[in-house]
PDB file of N, CA and C in Angstrom:
ATOM      1  N   MET A   1     -39.862  19.595 -75.061  1.00  0.00           N
ATOM      2  CA  MET A   1     -37.949  19.423 -74.748  1.00  0.00           C
ATOM      3  C   MET A   1     -37.477  20.413 -73.474  1.00  0.00           C
ATOM      4  N   LYS A   2     -36.990  19.595 -73.191  1.00  0.00           N
ATOM      5  CA  LYS A   2     -36.358  19.968 -71.541  1.00  0.00           C
ATOM      6  C   LYS A   2     -34.741  20.349 -72.121  1.00  0.00           C
ATOM      7  N   LEU A   3     -34.404  22.017 -71.257  1.00  0.00           N
ATOM      8  CA  LEU A   3     -32.957  22.121 -70.797  1.00  0.00           C
ATOM      9  C   LEU A   3     -32.087  20.901 -70.022  1.00  0.00           C
ATOM     10  N   ASN A   4     -31.034  20.808 -70.814  1.00  0.00           N
ATOM     11  CA  ASN A   4     -30.592  19.636 -69.530  1.00  0.00           C
ATOM     12  C   ASN A   4     -29.067  20.574 -69.155  1.00  0.00           C
ATOM     13  N   THR A   5     -28.314  19.965 -68.303  1.00  0.00           N
ATOM     14  CA  THR A   5     -27.604  20.835 -67.393  1.00  0.00           C
ATOM     15  C   THR A   5     -26.396  21.195 -68.767  1.00  0.00           C
ATOM     16  N   GLY A   6     -25.730  20.326 -69.879  1.00  0.00           N
ATOM     17  CA  GLY A   6     -24.549  20.899 -70.779  1.00  0.00           C
ATOM     18  C   GLY A   6     -25.307  22.226 -71.331  1.00  0.00           C
ATOM     19  N   THR A   7     -26.306  21.807 -71.816  1.00  0.00           N
ATOM     20  CA  THR A   7     -27.013  23.201 -72.905  1.00  0.00           C
ATOM     21  C   THR A   7     -26.959  24.331 -71.922  1.00  0.00           C
ATOM     22  N   ILE A   8     -27.647  24.416 -70.960  1.00  0.00           N
ATOM     23  CA  ILE A   8     -27.361  25.433 -69.556  1.00  0.00           C
ATOM     24  C   ILE A   8     -26.088  26.369 -69.495  1.00  0.00           C
ATOM     25  N   LEU A   9     -25.050  25.184 -69.028  1.00  0.00           N
ATOM     26  CA  LEU A   9     -23.760  25.379 -69.100  1.00  0.00           C
ATOM     27  C   LEU A   9     -23.011  26.270 -70.097  1.00  0.00           C
ATOM     28  N   ILE A  10     -23.402  25.612 -71.763  1.00  0.00           N
ATOM     29  CA  ILE A  10     -22.974  26.205 -72.630  1.00  0.00           C
ATOM     30  C   ILE A  10     -23.338  27.711 -72.949  1.00  0.00           C
ATOM     31  N   VAL A  11     -24.993  27.834 -72.936  1.00  0.00           N
ATOM     32  CA  VAL A  11     -25.656  29.038 -72.878  1.00  0.00           C
ATOM     33  C   VAL A  11     -24.931  30.257 -71.927  1.00  0.00           C
ATOM     34  N   LEU A  12     -24.621  29.519 -70.680  1.00  0.00           N
ATOM     35  CA  LEU A  12     -24.483  30.765 -69.532  1.00  0.00           C
ATOM     36  C   LEU A  12     -22.850  31.042 -70.249  1.00  0.00           C
ATOM     37  N   ILE A  13     -22.281  30.254 -71.070  1.00  0.00           N
ATOM     38  CA  ILE A  13     -20.528  30.210 -71.192  1.00  0.00           C
ATOM     39  C   ILE A  13     -20.775  31.531 -72.463  1.00  0.00           C
ATOM     40  N   SER A  14     -21.714  31.084 -73.721  1.00  0.00           N
ATOM     41  CA  SER A  14     -21.605  31.918 -74.563  1.00  0.00           C
ATOM     42  C   SER A  14     -22.216  33.294 -74.575  1.00  0.00           C
ATOM     43  N   SER A  15     -23.020  33.506 -73.362  1.00  0.00           N
ATOM     44  CA  SER A  15     -23.568  34.496 -73.656  1.00  0.00           C
ATOM     45  C   SER A  15     -22.651  35.764 -72.530  1.00  0.00           C
ATOM     46  N   LEU A  16     -21.618  34.769 -71.337  1.00  0.00           N
ATOM     47  CA  LEU A  16     -21.039  35.610 -70.428  1.00  0.00           C
ATOM     48  C   LEU A  16     -20.321  36.026 -71.855  1.00  0.00           C
ATOM     49  N   PHE A  17     -19.321  35.146 -72.706  1.00  0.00           N
ATOM     50  CA  PHE A  17     -18.657  35.675 -73.876  1.00  0.00           C
ATOM     51  C   PHE A  17     -18.898  36.851 -74.749  1.00  0.00           C
ATOM     52  N   CYS A  18     -20.290  36.780 -74.989  1.00  0.00           N
ATOM     53  CA  CYS A  18     -20.767  37.662 -75.935  1.00  0.00           C
ATOM     54  C   CYS A  18     -20.984  38.793 -74.803  1.00  0.00           C
ATOM     55  N   GLY A  19     -21.520  39.044 -73.828  1.00  0.00           N
ATOM     56  CA  GLY A  19     -21.676  40.303 -72.777  1.00  0.00           C
ATOM     57  C   GLY A  19     -20.523  40.869 -72.831  1.00  0.00           C
ATOM     58  N   ILE A  20     -19.632  40.181 -72.483  1.00  0.00           N
ATOM     59  CA  ILE A  20     -17.637  41.099 -72.177  1.00  0.00           C
ATOM     60  C   ILE A  20     -17.275  41.085 -73.259  1.00  0.00           C
ATOM     61  N   MET A  21     -17.388  40.454 -74.659  1.00  0.00           N
ATOM     62  CA  MET A  21     -16.339  40.818 -75.495  1.00  0.00           C
ATOM     63  C   MET A  21     -17.158  41.696 -76.718  1.00  0.00           C
ATOM     64  N   VAL A  22     -18.020  41.631 -76.686  1.00  0.00           N
ATOM     65  CA  VAL A  22     -19.339  42.137 -77.876  1.00  0.00           C
ATOM     66  C   VAL A  22     -19.624  42.857 -77.049  1.00  0.00           C
ATOM     67  N   LEU A  23     -20.690  43.311 -75.976  1.00  0.00           N
ATOM     68  CA  LEU A  23     -21.112  44.512 -75.723  1.00  0.00           C
ATOM     69  C   LEU A  23     -20.073  45.443 -75.162  1.00  0.00           C
ATOM     70  N   SER A  24     -19.454  44.928 -73.966  1.00  0.00           N
ATOM     71  CA  SER A  24     -18.607  45.516 -73.204  1.00  0.00           C
ATOM     72  C   SER A  24     -17.096  46.125 -73.704  1.00  0.00           C
ATOM     73  N   LEU A  25     -16.594  45.462 -74.548  1.00  0.00           N
ATOM     74  CA  LEU A  25     -15.451  45.617 -75.243  1.00  0.00           C
ATOM     75  C   LEU A  25     -15.467  46.150 -76.655  1.00  0.00           C
ATOM     76  N   GLY A  26     -16.748  45.471 -77.434  1.00  0.00           N
ATOM     77  CA  GLY A  26     -16.890  46.097 -79.063  1.00  0.00           C
ATOM     78  C   GLY A  26     -18.208  47.062 -78.983  1.00  0.00           C
ATOM     79  N   VAL A  27     -19.119  47.211 -78.615  1.00  0.00           N
ATOM     80  CA  VAL A  27     -20.212  48.697 -78.343  1.00  0.00           C
ATOM     81  C   VAL A  27     -20.090  48.980 -77.494  1.00  0.00           C
ATOM     82  N   GLY A  28     -19.015  48.776 -76.287  1.00  0.00           N
ATOM     83  CA  GLY A  28     -18.620  50.134 -74.916  1.00  0.00           C
ATOM     84  C   GLY A  28     -17.540  50.350 -75.790  1.00  0.00           C
ATOM     85  N   ALA A  29     -17.003  50.721 -76.660  1.00  0.00           N
ATOM     86  CA  ALA A  29     -16.051  51.437 -77.560  1.00  0.00           C
ATOM     87  C   ALA A  29     -16.289  52.324 -78.262  1.00  0.00           C
ATOM     88  N   GLU A  30     -17.351  51.952 -78.739  1.00  0.00           N
ATOM     89  CA  GLU A  30     -17.837  52.747 -79.443  1.00  0.00           C
ATOM     90  C   GLU A  30     -18.884  53.547 -79.486  1.00  0.00           C
ATOM     91  N   PHE A  31     -19.989  53.233 -78.184  1.00  0.00           N
ATOM     92  CA  PHE A  31     -20.928  53.876 -77.607  1.00  0.00           C
ATOM     93  C   PHE A  31     -20.341  54.023 -75.872  1.00  0.00           C
ATOM     94  N   THR A  32     -19.986  55.229 -75.632  1.00  0.00           N
ATOM     95  CA  THR A  32     -19.222  54.888 -74.056  1.00  0.00           C
ATOM     96  C   THR A  32     -20.619  54.740 -72.829  1.00  0.00           C
ATOM     97  N   LYS A  33     -21.765  55.215 -73.550  1.00  0.00           N
ATOM     98  CA  LYS A  33     -22.755  54.872 -72.222  1.00  0.00           C
ATOM     99  C   LYS A  33     -23.287  53.461 -71.779  1.00  0.00           C
ATOM    100  N   VAL A  34     -22.794  52.547 -72.948  1.00  0.00           N
ATOM    101  CA  VAL A  34     -23.202  51.079 -72.660  1.00  0.00           C
ATOM    102  C   VAL A  34     -21.991  50.660 -71.383  1.00  0.00           C
ATOM    103  N   ASN A  35     -21.519  51.141 -71.052  1.00  0.00           N
ATOM    104  CA  ASN A  35     -20.259  50.956 -69.999  1.00  0.00           C
ATOM    105  C   ASN A  35     -20.517  52.165 -68.747  1.00  0.00           C
ATOM    106  N   THR A  36     -21.060  53.203 -69.198  1.00  0.00           N
ATOM    107  CA  THR A  36     -20.900  54.159 -68.200  1.00  0.00           C
ATOM    108  C   THR A  36     -21.823  54.195 -67.611  1.00  0.00           C
ATOM    109  N   ILE A  37     -23.111  53.500 -68.045  1.00  0.00           N
ATOM    110  CA  ILE A  37     -24.095  53.264 -66.929  1.00  0.00           C
ATOM    111  C   ILE A  37     -24.023  52.378 -65.803  1.00  0.00           C
ATOM    112  N   MET A  38     -22.832  51.873 -65.903  1.00  0.00           N
ATOM    113  CA  MET A  38     -22.688  50.544 -65.154  1.00  0.00           C
ATOM    114  C   MET A  38     -21.150  51.503 -63.346  1.00  0.00           C
ATOM    115  N   SER A  39     -21.346  52.835 -63.790  1.00  0.00           N
ATOM    116  CA  SER A  39     -20.563  53.574 -63.106  1.00  0.00           C
ATOM    117  C   SER A  39     -21.000  52.984 -61.567  1.00  0.00           C
ATOM    118  N   PRO A  40     -21.799  52.891 -61.160  1.00  0.00           N
ATOM    119  CA  PRO A  40     -21.533  53.311 -59.606  1.00  0.00           C
ATOM    120  C   PRO A  40     -21.534  51.661 -59.270  1.00  0.00           C
ATOM    121  N   VAL A  41     -21.679  50.872 -59.910  1.00  0.00           N
ATOM    122  CA  VAL A  41     -21.611  48.809 -59.794  1.00  0.00           C
ATOM    123  C   VAL A  41     -19.651  49.433 -59.601  1.00  0.00           C
ATOM    124  N   ILE A  42     -19.249  49.845 -60.574  1.00  0.00           N
ATOM    125  CA  ILE A  42     -17.732  50.132 -60.875  1.00  0.00           C
ATOM    126  C   ILE A  42     -17.021  50.903 -59.968  1.00  0.00           C
ATOM    127  N   CYS A  43     -17.326  52.267 -59.766  1.00  0.00           N
ATOM    128  CA  CYS A  43     -16.421  53.242 -59.099  1.00  0.00           C
ATOM    129  C   CYS A  43     -17.159  53.255 -57.884  1.00  0.00           C
ATOM    130  N   GLY A  44     -18.164  52.847 -57.604  1.00  0.00           N
ATOM    131  CA  GLY A  44     -19.025  53.424 -56.233  1.00  0.00           C
ATOM    132  C   GLY A  44     -19.427  54.587 -56.471  1.00  0.00           C
ATOM    133  N   GLY A  45     -19.129  55.622 -55.964  1.00  0.00           N
ATOM    134  CA  GLY A  45     -19.327  57.041 -55.781  1.00  0.00           C
ATOM    135  C   GLY A  45     -18.832  57.719 -56.408  1.00  0.00           C
ATOM    136  N   GLU A  46     -17.611  57.366 -56.851  1.00  0.00           N
ATOM    137  CA  GLU A  46     -16.901  58.364 -58.509  1.00  0.00           C
ATOM    138  C   GLU A  46     -17.710  58.108 -59.973  1.00  0.00           C
ATOM    139  N   LYS A  47     -17.371  59.029 -60.345  1.00  0.00           N
ATOM    140  CA  LYS A  47     -17.461  59.170 -61.968  1.00  0.00           C
ATOM    141  C   LYS A  47     -16.717  58.031 -62.711  1.00  0.00           C
ATOM    142  N   LEU A  48     -17.183  57.494 -63.717  1.00  0.00           N
ATOM    143  CA  LEU A  48     -16.712  56.052 -64.648  1.00  0.00           C
ATOM    144  C   LEU A  48     -16.709  57.726 -66.052  1.00  0.00           C
ATOM    145  N   GLU A  49     -15.501  57.418 -66.378  1.00  0.00           N
ATOM    146  CA  GLU A  49     -15.304  57.895 -67.785  1.00  0.00           C
ATOM    147  C   GLU A  49     -14.225  57.474 -68.810  1.00  0.00           C
ATOM    148  N   ALA A  50     -14.380  57.641 -69.653  1.00  0.00           N
ATOM    149  CA  ALA A  50     -13.512  57.102 -70.959  1.00  0.00           C
ATOM    150  C   ALA A  50     -12.294  58.494 -71.198  1.00  0.00           C
ATOM    151  N   THR A  51     -10.861  57.727 -71.753  1.00  0.00           N
ATOM    152  CA  THR A  51     -10.111  58.485 -71.809  1.00  0.00           C
ATOM    153  C   THR A  51      -9.231  57.895 -73.347  1.00  0.00           C
ATOM    154  N   TRP A  52      -8.873  58.866 -73.789  1.00  0.00           N
ATOM    155  CA  TRP A  52      -8.269  58.358 -75.310  1.00  0.00           C
ATOM    156  C   TRP A  52      -6.913  59.374 -75.135  1.00  0.00           C
ATOM    157  N   GLU A  53      -6.002  58.334 -75.874  1.00  0.00           N
ATOM    158  CA  GLU A  53      -4.647  59.252 -75.670  1.00  0.00           C
ATOM    159  C   GLU A  53      -4.114  58.203 -77.518  1.00  0.00           C
ATOM    160  N   TYR A  54      -3.472  59.193 -77.581  1.00  0.00           N
ATOM    161  CA  TYR A  54      -2.641  59.409 -79.508  1.00  0.00           C
ATOM    162  C   TYR A  54      -1.344  59.634 -79.104  1.00  0.00           C
ATOM    163  N   ASN A  55      -0.323  58.563 -79.754  1.00  0.00           N
ATOM    164  CA  ASN A  55       0.659  58.578 -79.404  1.00  0.00           C
ATOM    165  C   ASN A  55       1.513  58.730 -80.670  1.00  0.00           C
ATOM    166  N   GLU A  56       2.496  59.493 -81.339  1.00  0.00           N
ATOM    167  CA  GLU A  56       3.151  58.824 -82.024  1.00  0.00           C
ATOM    168  C   GLU A  56       4.714  59.198 -82.291  1.00  0.00           C
ATOM    169  N   SER A  57       4.703  58.722 -81.279  1.00  0.00           N
ATOM    170  CA  SER A  57       6.667  58.744 -80.437  1.00  0.00           C
ATOM    171  C   SER A  57       7.827  58.070 -81.546  1.00  0.00           C
ATOM    172  N   HIS A  58       7.075  56.848 -81.896  1.00  0.00           N
ATOM    173  CA  HIS A  58       7.886  56.091 -83.238  1.00  0.00           C
ATOM    174  C   HIS A  58       7.446  56.755 -84.462  1.00  0.00           C
ATOM    175  N   PRO A  59       8.645  56.540 -85.549  1.00  0.00           N
ATOM    176  CA  PRO A  59       8.518  56.996 -86.834  1.00  0.00           C
ATOM    177  C   PRO A  59       8.056  55.587 -87.441  1.00  0.00           C
ATOM    178  N   HIS A  60       6.791  56.393 -88.187  1.00  0.00           N
ATOM    179  CA  HIS A  60       5.540  55.686 -88.986  1.00  0.00           C
ATOM    180  C   HIS A  60       5.119  54.465 -88.320  1.00  0.00           C
ATOM    181  N   LYS A  61       4.621  54.937 -86.905  1.00  0.00           N
ATOM    182  CA  LYS A  61       3.579  53.948 -86.210  1.00  0.00           C
ATOM    183  C   LYS A  61       3.180  55.103 -84.980  1.00  0.00           C
ATOM    184  N   ALA A  62       1.470  54.781 -85.153  1.00  0.00           N
ATOM    185  CA  ALA A  62       0.858  56.175 -84.262  1.00  0.00           C
ATOM    186  C   ALA A  62      -0.185  55.113 -83.577  1.00  0.00           C
ATOM    187  N   ILE A  63      -0.397  54.817 -82.155  1.00  0.00           N
ATOM    188  CA  ILE A  63      -0.833  54.533 -81.288  1.00  0.00           C
ATOM    189  C   ILE A  63      -1.752  54.819 -80.324  1.00  0.00           C
ATOM    190  N   PHE A  64      -3.160  54.165 -80.481  1.00  0.00           N
ATOM    191  CA  PHE A  64      -4.046  54.690 -80.263  1.00  0.00           C
ATOM    192  C   PHE A  64      -4.567  54.025 -78.864  1.00  0.00           C
ATOM    193  N   ASP A  65      -4.816  54.498 -78.075  1.00  0.00           N
ATOM    194  CA  ASP A  65      -5.346  53.922 -76.722  1.00  0.00           C
ATOM    195  C   ASP A  65      -6.480  54.573 -76.374  1.00  0.00           C
ATOM    196  N   SER A  66      -7.349  53.592 -75.532  1.00  0.00           N
ATOM    197  CA  SER A  66      -8.549  53.988 -74.514  1.00  0.00           C
ATOM    198  C   SER A  66      -8.848  53.450 -73.439  1.00  0.00           C
ATOM    199  N   ARG A  67      -9.096  53.738 -72.501  1.00  0.00           N
ATOM    200  CA  ARG A  67      -8.834  53.625 -71.372  1.00  0.00           C
ATOM    201  C   ARG A  67     -10.235  54.079 -70.034  1.00  0.00           C
ATOM    202  N   TRP A  68     -10.752  53.240 -69.146  1.00  0.00           N
ATOM    203  CA  TRP A  68     -11.645  53.479 -68.673  1.00  0.00           C
ATOM    204  C   TRP A  68     -11.287  54.318 -66.931  1.00  0.00           C
ATOM    205  N   VAL A  69     -11.400  55.643 -66.770  1.00  0.00           N
ATOM    206  CA  VAL A  69     -11.090  55.200 -65.337  1.00  0.00           C
ATOM    207  C   VAL A  69     -12.245  56.157 -64.247  1.00  0.00           C
ATOM    208  N   CYS A  70     -11.695  55.725 -63.295  1.00  0.00           N
ATOM    209  CA  CYS A  70     -12.680  56.362 -62.397  1.00  0.00           C
ATOM    210  C   CYS A  70     -12.460  57.344 -61.948  1.00  0.00           C
ATOM    211  N   VAL A  71     -13.101  58.809 -61.852  1.00  0.00           N
ATOM    212  CA  VAL A  71     -12.779  59.852 -61.722  1.00  0.00           C
ATOM    213  C   VAL A  71     -13.082  60.767 -60.109  1.00  0.00           C
ATOM    214  N   ASP A  72     -12.613  60.714 -59.224  1.00  0.00           N
ATOM    215  CA  ASP A  72     -13.306  61.509 -57.894  1.00  0.00           C
ATOM    216  C   ASP A  72     -13.194  62.772 -57.710  1.00  0.00           C
ATOM    217  N   GLU A  73     -14.299  63.464 -57.977  1.00  0.00           N
ATOM    218  CA  GLU A  73     -14.214  64.900 -58.657  1.00  0.00           C
ATOM    219  C   GLU A  73     -14.222  65.496 -57.418  1.00  0.00           C
ATOM    220  N   LYS A  74     -14.519  65.670 -56.086  1.00  0.00           N
ATOM    221  CA  LYS A  74     -13.936  65.990 -55.469  1.00  0.00           C
ATOM    222  C   LYS A  74     -12.420  66.289 -55.124  1.00  0.00           C
ATOM    223  N   PHE A  75     -11.542  65.505 -55.666  1.00  0.00           N
ATOM    224  CA  PHE A  75     -10.264  65.853 -55.397  1.00  0.00           C
ATOM    225  C   PHE A  75      -9.527  65.929 -56.486  1.00  0.00           C
ATOM    226  N   GLY A  76     -10.496  65.518 -57.701  1.00  0.00           N
ATOM    227  CA  GLY A  76      -9.384  65.080 -58.995  1.00  0.00           C
ATOM    228  C   GLY A  76      -8.651  64.131 -59.197  1.00  0.00           C
ATOM    229  N   THR A  77      -8.828  63.185 -58.684  1.00  0.00           N
ATOM    230  CA  THR A  77      -7.720  62.320 -58.806  1.00  0.00           C
ATOM    231  C   THR A  77      -9.086  60.952 -60.164  1.00  0.00           C
ATOM    232  N   THR A  78      -7.716  60.339 -60.320  1.00  0.00           N
ATOM    233  CA  THR A  78      -8.097  59.348 -61.437  1.00  0.00           C
ATOM    234  C   THR A  78      -7.363  57.893 -61.067  1.00  0.00           C
ATOM    235  N   GLN A  79      -8.591  56.666 -60.713  1.00  0.00           N
ATOM    236  CA  GLN A  79      -7.720  55.448 -61.064  1.00  0.00           C
ATOM    237  C   GLN A  79      -8.411  54.813 -61.997  1.00  0.00           C
ATOM    238  N   ASP A  80      -7.205  54.224 -63.194  1.00  0.00           N
ATOM    239  CA  ASP A  80      -7.304  52.974 -64.198  1.00  0.00           C
ATOM    240  C   ASP A  80      -8.620  52.013 -63.533  1.00  0.00           C
ATOM    241  N   ALA A  81      -9.864  52.153 -64.164  1.00  0.00           N
ATOM    242  CA  ALA A  81     -10.426  51.616 -64.349  1.00  0.00           C
ATOM    243  C   ALA A  81     -10.666  49.905 -65.298  1.00  0.00           C
ATOM    244  N   SER A  82     -10.006  49.828 -66.527  1.00  0.00           N
ATOM    245  CA  SER A  82     -10.423  49.154 -67.269  1.00  0.00           C
ATOM    246  C   SER A  82     -10.831  48.061 -67.459  1.00  0.00           C
ATOM    247  N   LEU A  83      -9.968  46.848 -66.537  1.00  0.00           N
ATOM    248  CA  LEU A  83      -9.992  44.950 -67.108  1.00  0.00           C
ATOM    249  C   LEU A  83     -11.595  45.134 -65.699  1.00  0.00           C
ATOM    250  N   LYS A  84     -11.831  45.963 -64.706  1.00  0.00           N
ATOM    251  CA  LYS A  84     -12.571  46.290 -63.886  1.00  0.00           C
ATOM    252  C   LYS A  84     -14.504  46.126 -64.971  1.00  0.00           C
ATOM    253  N   THR A  85     -14.076  47.927 -65.817  1.00  0.00           N
ATOM    254  CA  THR A  85     -14.949  47.854 -66.252  1.00  0.00           C
ATOM    255  C   THR A  85     -15.445  46.936 -67.657  1.00  0.00           C
ATOM    256  N   ASN A  86     -14.763  46.634 -68.010  1.00  0.00           N
ATOM    257  CA  ASN A  86     -15.044  45.366 -68.382  1.00  0.00           C
ATOM    258  C   ASN A  86     -15.411  44.131 -68.124  1.00  0.00           C
ATOM    259  N   LEU A  87     -15.150  43.586 -67.557  1.00  0.00           N
ATOM    260  CA  LEU A  87     -15.163  42.325 -66.727  1.00  0.00           C
ATOM    261  C   LEU A  87     -16.801  42.566 -66.374  1.00  0.00           C
ATOM    262  N   VAL A  88     -16.532  43.200 -64.856  1.00  0.00           N
ATOM    263  CA  VAL A  88     -17.824  43.657 -64.291  1.00  0.00           C
ATOM    264  C   VAL A  88     -19.237  44.265 -65.450  1.00  0.00           C
ATOM    265  N   SER A  89     -19.216  44.967 -66.360  1.00  0.00           N
ATOM    266  CA  SER A  89     -19.673  45.314 -67.267  1.00  0.00           C
ATOM    267  C   SER A  89     -20.675  44.327 -68.361  1.00  0.00           C
ATOM    268  N   GLY A  90     -19.447  43.571 -68.441  1.00  0.00           N
ATOM    269  CA  GLY A  90     -19.615  42.604 -69.552  1.00  0.00           C
ATOM    270  C   GLY A  90     -20.849  41.709 -69.536  1.00  0.00           C
ATOM    271  N   THR A  91     -20.186  40.742 -67.720  1.00  0.00           N
ATOM    272  CA  THR A  91     -20.671  39.776 -67.065  1.00  0.00           C
ATOM    273  C   THR A  91     -22.264  40.496 -66.667  1.00  0.00           C
ATOM    274  N   ILE A  92     -22.616  41.729 -66.459  1.00  0.00           N
ATOM    275  CA  ILE A  92     -24.256  41.792 -66.182  1.00  0.00           C
ATOM    276  C   ILE A  92     -24.898  41.431 -67.405  1.00  0.00           C
ATOM    277  N   TYR A  93     -24.084  42.332 -68.524  1.00  0.00           N
ATOM    278  CA  TYR A  93     -24.857  41.680 -69.952  1.00  0.00           C
ATOM    279  C   TYR A  93     -24.957  40.988 -70.113  1.00  0.00           C
ATOM    280  N   GLY A  94     -23.719  39.725 -70.108  1.00  0.00           N
ATOM    281  CA  GLY A  94     -23.640  38.605 -70.032  1.00  0.00           C
ATOM    282  C   GLY A  94     -24.872  37.739 -69.269  1.00  0.00           C
ATOM    283  N   ILE A  95     -25.333  37.830 -68.042  1.00  0.00           N
ATOM    284  CA  ILE A  95     -26.102  37.576 -67.226  1.00  0.00           C
ATOM    285  C   ILE A  95     -27.482  37.549 -67.664  1.00  0.00           C
ATOM    286  N   LEU A  96     -27.782  38.967 -68.196  1.00  0.00           N
ATOM    287  CA  LEU A  96     -29.192  39.383 -69.076  1.00  0.00           C
ATOM    288  C   LEU A  96     -29.361  38.972 -69.799  1.00  0.00           C
ATOM    289  N   ILE A  97     -28.275  38.675 -71.130  1.00  0.00           N
ATOM    290  CA  ILE A  97     -28.336  37.918 -72.432  1.00  0.00           C
ATOM    291  C   ILE A  97     -28.983  36.520 -72.042  1.00  0.00           C
ATOM    292  N   PHE A  98     -28.604  35.792 -70.892  1.00  0.00           N
ATOM    293  CA  PHE A  98     -28.498  34.764 -70.767  1.00  0.00           C
ATOM    294  C   PHE A  98     -30.034  34.519 -69.618  1.00  0.00           C
ATOM    295  N   ALA A  99     -30.783  35.233 -69.360  1.00  0.00           N
ATOM    296  CA  ALA A  99     -31.791  35.765 -68.408  1.00  0.00           C
ATOM    297  C   ALA A  99     -32.714  35.748 -69.903  1.00  0.00           C
ATOM    298  N   ALA A 100     -32.653  36.321 -70.385  1.00  0.00           N
ATOM    299  CA  ALA A 100     -33.557  36.227 -71.775  1.00  0.00           C
ATOM    300  C   ALA A 100     -33.593  35.056 -72.706  1.00  0.00           C
ATOM    301  N   PHE A 101     -32.462  34.586 -72.719  1.00  0.00           N
ATOM    302  CA  PHE A 101     -32.545  32.964 -73.302  1.00  0.00           C
ATOM    303  C   PHE A 101     -33.434  31.784 -72.705  1.00  0.00           C
ATOM    304  N   ILE A 102     -33.169  31.865 -71.191  1.00  0.00           N
ATOM    305  CA  ILE A 102     -34.230  31.179 -70.825  1.00  0.00           C
ATOM    306  C   ILE A 102     -35.470  31.441 -70.150  1.00  0.00           C
ATOM    307  N   VAL A 103     -35.473  32.481 -70.568  1.00  0.00           N
ATOM    308  CA  VAL A 103     -36.924  33.365 -70.311  1.00  0.00           C
ATOM    309  C   VAL A 103     -37.908  32.671 -71.719  1.00  0.00           C
ATOM    310  N   SER A 104     -37.238  33.078 -72.603  1.00  0.00           N
ATOM    311  CA  SER A 104     -37.863  32.603 -74.303  1.00  0.00           C
ATOM    312  C   SER A 104     -37.821  31.332 -74.405  1.00  0.00           C
ATOM    313  N   TRP A 105     -37.240  30.550 -73.713  1.00  0.00           N
ATOM    314  CA  TRP A 105     -37.006  29.149 -73.756  1.00  0.00           C
ATOM    315  C   TRP A 105     -38.116  28.665 -73.152  1.00  0.00           C
ATOM    316  N   ILE A 106     -38.445  29.539 -71.990  1.00  0.00           N
ATOM    317  CA  ILE A 106     -39.700  29.017 -70.913  1.00  0.00           C
ATOM    318  C   ILE A 106     -40.767  29.566 -72.265  1.00  0.00           C
ATOM    319  N   TRP A 107     -40.901  30.257 -72.811  1.00  0.00           N
ATOM    320  CA  TRP A 107     -41.750  31.055 -73.214  1.00  0.00           C
ATOM    321  C   TRP A 107     -42.408  30.027 -74.130  1.00  0.00           C
ATOM    322  N   LEU A 108     -41.578  29.756 -75.100  1.00  0.00           N
ATOM    323  CA  LEU A 108     -41.576  28.969 -76.322  1.00  0.00           C
ATOM    324  C   LEU A 108     -41.507  27.382 -76.333  1.00  0.00           C
ATOM    325  N   ASN A 109     -41.798  27.190 -75.142  1.00  0.00           N
ATOM    326  CA  ASN A 109     -41.614  25.607 -74.989  1.00  0.00           C
ATOM    327  C   ASN A 109     -43.063  25.168 -73.661  1.00  0.00           C
ATOM    328  N   ARG A 110     -43.311  26.087 -73.435  1.00  0.00           N
ATOM    329  CA  ARG A 110     -44.784  25.992 -72.734  1.00  0.00           C
ATOM    330  C   ARG A 110     -45.949  25.082 -73.543  1.00  0.00           C
ATOM    331  N   PRO A 111     -46.811  24.427 -72.404  1.00  0.00           N
ATOM    332  CA  PRO A 111     -47.594  23.617 -73.256  1.00  0.00           C
ATOM    333  C   PRO A 111     -48.697  23.628 -73.689  1.00  0.00           C
ATOM    334  N   GLU A 112     -48.841  25.048 -73.901  1.00  0.00           N
ATOM    335  CA  GLU A 112     -50.122  25.736 -74.774  1.00  0.00           C
ATOM    336  C   GLU A 112     -49.513  25.895 -76.420  1.00  0.00           C
ATOM    337  N   ASN A 113     -48.220  25.892 -76.334  1.00  0.00           N
ATOM    338  CA  ASN A 113     -47.420  26.114 -77.483  1.00  0.00           C
ATOM    339  C   ASN A 113     -47.207  24.151 -78.859  1.00  0.00           C
ATOM    340  N   LYS A 114     -47.568  23.546 -77.941  1.00  0.00           N
ATOM    341  CA  LYS A 114     -47.768  22.216 -78.368  1.00  0.00           C
ATOM    342  C   LYS A 114     -48.541  21.541 -79.136  1.00  0.00           C
TER     343      LYS A 114
END
């Protein structure tokens, strides 16, 4: 069975969605190492860190917020990198998922298995 263009496109889009939504946003929020290993790609020479804020400024309402920031350790400045972190690391993870699918597809459909 051969992979046609439509199947490859659907698998690519699904892989990118899983990489961004599941790995970068979901797993990366709980296990920060998932995203911080992408620090050289996202922040260059700076360090990528997660920050958390808890705000109770409204009565009966608490807001919990997490952000990714690039920290310049030399000057102590920070720059918000939340969107960039989720998109870049999620896309890289999505491409890895896609590559794993293609390799397994080729492996399982080689002539020896038929």
